[in-house]
C-alpha atoms as a PDB file:
ATOM      1  CA  MET A   1      87.612 123.599 117.437  1.00  0.00           C
ATOM      2  CA  THR A   2      91.307 123.851 116.771  1.00  0.00           C
ATOM      3  CA  GLU A   3      94.196 121.496 117.341  1.00  0.00           C
ATOM      4  CA  ARG A   4      94.441 120.390 120.963  1.00  0.00           C
ATOM      5  CA  PRO A   5      97.325 118.208 122.150  1.00  0.00           C
ATOM      6  CA  ILE A   6      96.787 115.622 124.855  1.00  0.00           C
ATOM      7  CA  GLU A   7      99.913 114.223 126.468  1.00  0.00           C
ATOM      8  CA  PHE A   8      99.737 110.471 127.115  1.00  0.00           C
ATOM      9  CA  SER A   9     103.211 110.235 128.581  1.00  0.00           C
ATOM     10  CA  ASP A  10     106.595 111.868 128.197  1.00  0.00           C
ATOM     11  CA  ARG A  11     106.883 110.160 124.831  1.00  0.00           C
ATOM     12  CA  PHE A  12     103.457 110.126 123.158  1.00  0.00           C
ATOM     13  CA  ALA A  13     101.022 112.894 122.323  1.00  0.00           C
ATOM     14  CA  CYS A  14      97.577 112.809 120.796  1.00  0.00           C
ATOM     15  CA  THR A  15      96.314 115.628 118.630  1.00  0.00           C
ATOM     16  CA  ILE A  16      92.610 116.276 118.190  1.00  0.00           C
ATOM     17  CA  SER A  17      91.696 118.452 115.278  1.00  0.00           C
ATOM     18  CA  ASP A  18      88.743 119.449 113.160  1.00  0.00           C
ATOM     19  CA  ARG A  19      90.970 120.845 110.437  1.00  0.00           C
ATOM     20  CA  GLN A  20      92.006 118.678 107.494  1.00  0.00           C
ATOM     21  CA  GLN A  21      95.369 120.431 107.193  1.00  0.00           C
ATOM     22  CA  ASP A  22      96.361 119.054 110.608  1.00  0.00           C
ATOM     23  CA  VAL A  23      96.491 115.483 109.254  1.00  0.00           C
ATOM     24  CA  ASP A  24      99.685 114.548 107.416  1.00  0.00           C
ATOM     25  CA  LEU A  25      98.157 112.640 104.501  1.00  0.00           C
ATOM     26  CA  GLN A  26     101.466 111.112 103.357  1.00  0.00           C
ATOM     27  CA  GLN A  27     102.100 109.661 106.808  1.00  0.00           C
ATOM     28  CA  LEU A  28      98.464 108.568 107.094  1.00  0.00           C
ATOM     29  CA  GLN A  29      98.734 106.698 103.796  1.00  0.00           C
ATOM     30  CA  SER A  30     101.915 104.989 104.998  1.00  0.00           C
ATOM     31  CA  LEU A  31     100.324 104.094 108.352  1.00  0.00           C
ATOM     32  CA  PHE A  32      97.340 102.520 106.594  1.00  0.00           C
ATOM     33  CA  ASN A  33      99.447 100.675 104.025  1.00  0.00           C
ATOM     34  CA  ALA A  34     101.666  99.135 106.698  1.00  0.00           C
ATOM     35  CA  ASN A  35      99.123  98.474 109.456  1.00  0.00           C
ATOM     36  CA  ALA A  36      95.542  98.341 108.156  1.00  0.00           C
ATOM     37  CA  PHE A  37      94.599  95.567 105.730  1.00  0.00           C
ATOM     38  CA  TRP A  38      91.231  97.241 105.076  1.00  0.00           C
ATOM     39  CA  ALA A  39      92.810 100.566 104.095  1.00  0.00           C
ATOM     40  CA  LYS A  40      95.766  99.573 101.927  1.00  0.00           C
ATOM     41  CA  GLY A  41      96.105 101.416  98.659  1.00  0.00           C
ATOM     42  CA  ARG A  42      94.000 104.461  99.493  1.00  0.00           C
ATOM     43  CA  SER A  43      95.088 107.434  97.418  1.00  0.00           C
ATOM     44  CA  ILE A  44      96.133 110.771  98.887  1.00  0.00           C
ATOM     45  CA  THR A  45      93.218 112.415  97.064  1.00  0.00           C
ATOM     46  CA  ASP A  46      90.720 109.987  98.597  1.00  0.00           C
ATOM     47  CA  LEU A  47      92.302 110.326 102.045  1.00  0.00           C
ATOM     48  CA  GLN A  48      91.914 114.091 101.840  1.00  0.00           C
ATOM     49  CA  ILE A  49      88.196 113.744 101.037  1.00  0.00           C
ATOM     50  CA  MET A  50      87.823 111.177 103.842  1.00  0.00           C
ATOM     51  CA  VAL A  51      89.429 113.466 106.419  1.00  0.00           C
ATOM     52  CA  GLU A  52      87.459 116.516 105.256  1.00  0.00           C
ATOM     53  CA  HIS A  53      84.205 114.616 105.863  1.00  0.00           C
ATOM     54  CA  SER A  54      85.194 113.130 109.229  1.00  0.00           C
ATOM     55  CA  ASP A  55      84.751 115.014 112.469  1.00  0.00           C
ATOM     56  CA  PRO A  56      86.528 114.513 114.744  1.00  0.00           C
ATOM     57  CA  THR A  57      89.770 112.987 113.588  1.00  0.00           C
ATOM     58  CA  ILE A  58      92.292 111.883 116.178  1.00  0.00           C
ATOM     59  CA  SER A  59      95.972 111.441 115.407  1.00  0.00           C
ATOM     60  CA  MET A  60      98.680 110.127 117.705  1.00  0.00           C
ATOM     61  CA  TRP A  61     102.335 111.040 117.350  1.00  0.00           C
ATOM     62  CA  ASP A  62     105.727 109.929 118.579  1.00  0.00           C
ATOM     63  CA  ASP A  63     107.563 113.210 118.075  1.00  0.00           C
ATOM     64  CA  GLN A  64     107.032 113.868 114.329  1.00  0.00           C
ATOM     65  CA  LYS A  65     105.962 110.322 113.427  1.00  0.00           C
ATOM     66  CA  LEU A  66     102.278 109.456 113.013  1.00  0.00           C
ATOM     67  CA  ILE A  67     101.731 106.264 115.044  1.00  0.00           C
ATOM     68  CA  GLY A  68      97.940 106.179 115.428  1.00  0.00           C
ATOM     69  CA  PHE A  69      94.757 107.448 113.848  1.00  0.00           C
ATOM     70  CA  ALA A  70      90.990 107.188 114.287  1.00  0.00           C
ATOM     71  CA  ARG A  71      88.031 109.121 112.962  1.00  0.00           C
ATOM     72  CA  SER A  72      84.281 109.425 113.330  1.00  0.00           C
ATOM     73  CA  THR A  73      81.205 110.633 111.503  1.00  0.00           C
ATOM     74  CA  SER A  74      78.066 111.575 113.404  1.00  0.00           C
ATOM     75  CA  ASP A  75      74.810 113.507 113.546  1.00  0.00           C
ATOM     76  CA  GLY A  76      75.940 114.700 116.987  1.00  0.00           C
ATOM     77  CA  ILE A  77      73.019 113.349 118.995  1.00  0.00           C
ATOM     78  CA  TYR A  78      71.662 109.958 117.903  1.00  0.00           C
ATOM     79  CA  ARG A  79      74.283 108.075 115.911  1.00  0.00           C
ATOM     80  CA  ALA A  80      78.015 108.076 115.389  1.00  0.00           C
ATOM     81  CA  MET A  81      80.296 105.697 113.542  1.00  0.00           C
ATOM     82  CA  ILE A  82      83.933 105.053 114.347  1.00  0.00           C
ATOM     83  CA  TRP A  83      86.205 104.377 111.396  1.00  0.00           C
ATOM     84  CA  ASP A  84      89.795 103.443 110.664  1.00  0.00           C
ATOM     85  CA  VAL A  85      91.248 102.905 114.133  1.00  0.00           C
ATOM     86  CA  VAL A  86      94.886 102.003 113.601  1.00  0.00           C
ATOM     87  CA  ILE A  87      98.069 101.910 115.687  1.00  0.00           C
ATOM     88  CA  ASP A  88     101.502 101.331 114.164  1.00  0.00           C
ATOM     89  CA  GLU A  89     102.409  97.697 114.878  1.00  0.00           C
ATOM     90  CA  ASN A  90     105.638  98.802 116.592  1.00  0.00           C
ATOM     91  CA  TYR A  91     103.561 100.686 119.202  1.00  0.00           C
ATOM     92  CA  ARG A  92     100.883  98.093 119.960  1.00  0.00           C
ATOM     93  CA  SER A  93     100.294  96.603 123.427  1.00  0.00           C
ATOM     94  CA  LEU A  94     101.178  99.905 125.108  1.00  0.00           C
ATOM     95  CA  GLY A  95      97.584 100.995 125.767  1.00  0.00           C
ATOM     96  CA  LEU A  96      97.670 103.552 122.959  1.00  0.00           C
ATOM     97  CA  GLY A  97      94.741 102.060 121.013  1.00  0.00           C
ATOM     98  CA  ARG A  98      92.594 102.228 124.139  1.00  0.00           C
ATOM     99  CA  ARG A  99      93.589 105.869 124.664  1.00  0.00           C
ATOM    100  CA  LEU A 100      92.905 106.664 121.021  1.00  0.00           C
ATOM    101  CA  VAL A 101      89.360 105.227 121.099  1.00  0.00           C
ATOM    102  CA  HIS A 102      88.694 106.737 124.543  1.00  0.00           C
ATOM    103  CA  THR A 103      89.697 110.174 123.264  1.00  0.00           C
ATOM    104  CA  LEU A 104      87.447 109.773 120.227  1.00  0.00           C
ATOM    105  CA  ILE A 105      84.305 108.644 122.067  1.00  0.00           C
ATOM    106  CA  HIS A 106      84.705 111.375 124.709  1.00  0.00           C
ATOM    107  CA  HIS A 107      85.160 114.146 122.149  1.00  0.00           C
ATOM    108  CA  PRO A 108      82.434 116.815 122.576  1.00  0.00           C
ATOM    109  CA  LYS A 109      80.983 115.997 119.150  1.00  0.00           C
ATOM    110  CA  ILE A 110      80.568 112.305 120.081  1.00  0.00           C
ATOM    111  CA  ALA A 111      80.154 112.294 123.876  1.00  0.00           C
ATOM    112  CA  ARG A 112      76.372 112.958 123.820  1.00  0.00           C
ATOM    113  CA  VAL A 113      75.580 110.505 121.028  1.00  0.00           C
ATOM    114  CA  GLU A 114      73.033 107.845 121.950  1.00  0.00           C
ATOM    115  CA  ARG A 115      74.702 105.001 119.994  1.00  0.00           C
ATOM    116  CA  VAL A 116      78.242 104.711 118.716  1.00  0.00           C
ATOM    117  CA  TYR A 117      78.814 102.058 116.072  1.00  0.00           C
ATOM    118  CA  LEU A 118      81.896 100.464 114.594  1.00  0.00           C
ATOM    119  CA  THR A 119      82.535  97.495 112.385  1.00  0.00           C
ATOM    120  CA  THR A 120      85.423  95.129 112.839  1.00  0.00           C
ATOM    121  CA  SER A 121      86.077  91.559 111.918  1.00  0.00           C
ATOM    122  CA  HIS A 122      89.297  91.037 113.883  1.00  0.00           C
ATOM    123  CA  GLN A 123      89.299  93.094 117.084  1.00  0.00           C
ATOM    124  CA  GLN A 124      86.005  92.391 118.845  1.00  0.00           C
ATOM    125  CA  ASN A 125      87.683  91.476 122.141  1.00  0.00           C
ATOM    126  CA  PHE A 126      89.628  94.743 122.192  1.00  0.00           C
ATOM    127  CA  TYR A 127      86.456  96.799 121.720  1.00  0.00           C
ATOM    128  CA  GLU A 128      84.497  94.737 124.259  1.00  0.00           C
ATOM    129  CA  ARG A 129      87.098  95.717 126.868  1.00  0.00           C
ATOM    130  CA  LEU A 130      86.237  99.353 126.020  1.00  0.00           C
ATOM    131  CA  GLY A 131      82.513  98.825 126.623  1.00  0.00           C
ATOM    132  CA  PHE A 132      81.299  97.946 123.136  1.00  0.00           C
ATOM    133  CA  VAL A 133      78.847  95.061 122.854  1.00  0.00           C
ATOM    134  CA  ARG A 134      78.695  92.571 120.003  1.00  0.00           C
ATOM    135  CA  ASN A 135      75.626  93.135 117.907  1.00  0.00           C
ATOM    136  CA  ASP A 136      73.875  90.347 116.024  1.00  0.00           C
ATOM    137  CA  THR A 137      71.255  92.564 114.414  1.00  0.00           C
ATOM    138  CA  ALA A 138      70.943  92.707 110.671  1.00  0.00           C
ATOM    139  CA  THR A 139      73.430  95.086 109.152  1.00  0.00           C
ATOM    140  CA  MET A 140      73.097  95.796 105.483  1.00  0.00           C
ATOM    141  CA  ILE A 141      75.855  97.070 103.244  1.00  0.00           C
ATOM    142  CA  LEU A 142      75.683  98.601  99.791  1.00  0.00           C
ATOM    143  CA  ASP A 143      78.947  97.618  98.151  1.00  0.00           C
ATOM    144  CA  ARG A 144      79.151  99.960  95.181  1.00  0.00           C
ATOM    145  CA  CYS A 145      81.943  97.936  93.607  1.00  0.00           C
ATOM    146  CA  SER A 146      79.783  94.823  93.251  1.00  0.00           C
ATOM    147  CA  ALA A 147      76.452  96.599  92.720  1.00  0.00           C
ATOM    148  CA  THR A 148      77.528  99.047  89.995  1.00  0.00           C
ATOM    149  CA  GLU A 149      75.340  97.641  87.215  1.00  0.00           C
ATOM    150  CA  MET A 150      72.197  97.583  89.341  1.00  0.00           C
ATOM    151  CA  LEU A 151      72.862 101.075  90.690  1.00  0.00           C
ATOM    152  CA  GLN A 152      73.327 102.509  87.205  1.00  0.00           C
ATOM    153  CA  SER A 153      69.947 101.167  86.104  1.00  0.00           C
ATOM    154  CA  THR A 154      68.201 102.873  89.034  1.00  0.00           C
ATOM    155  CA  ALA A 155      70.205 106.113  89.048  1.00  0.00           C
ATOM    156  CA  ILE A 156      68.396 109.392  89.687  1.00  0.00           C
ATOM    157  CA  GLU A 157      69.835 112.558  88.196  1.00  0.00           C
ATOM    158  CA  PHE A 158      70.402 115.499  90.477  1.00  0.00           C
END
């Protein structure tokens, strides 16, 4: 798949791309630092790796300015995970976040997936309006920052 623009209005456009070079990493870093508490301080190098391993990535632009971003990882049939949905605070309450998520979950690589997951601690109501359901099942997380010592003692060499 190549870059495909989707016009939201006369002013906003959304670009869907499978190619890492289509994401402006400098602008993405700035968008995260200013608008995403969970993603502040990510390095350009790490963002490049993140984008290369995400498919699809969705970016939203106001002319040449990156104003929104979302990404997913998936096996293409059973499970997908949505990550890093962010809209520039100056563009919120215009329906752009809804359009961003809608575009992502209807992408051909996600549209057939049985279950689409996301984690959020602040925007549950927003996602419920998009059809997501709160889930009280046990979710486990391996936090490598806090589990480093234990992980090193059980490391397997490859």
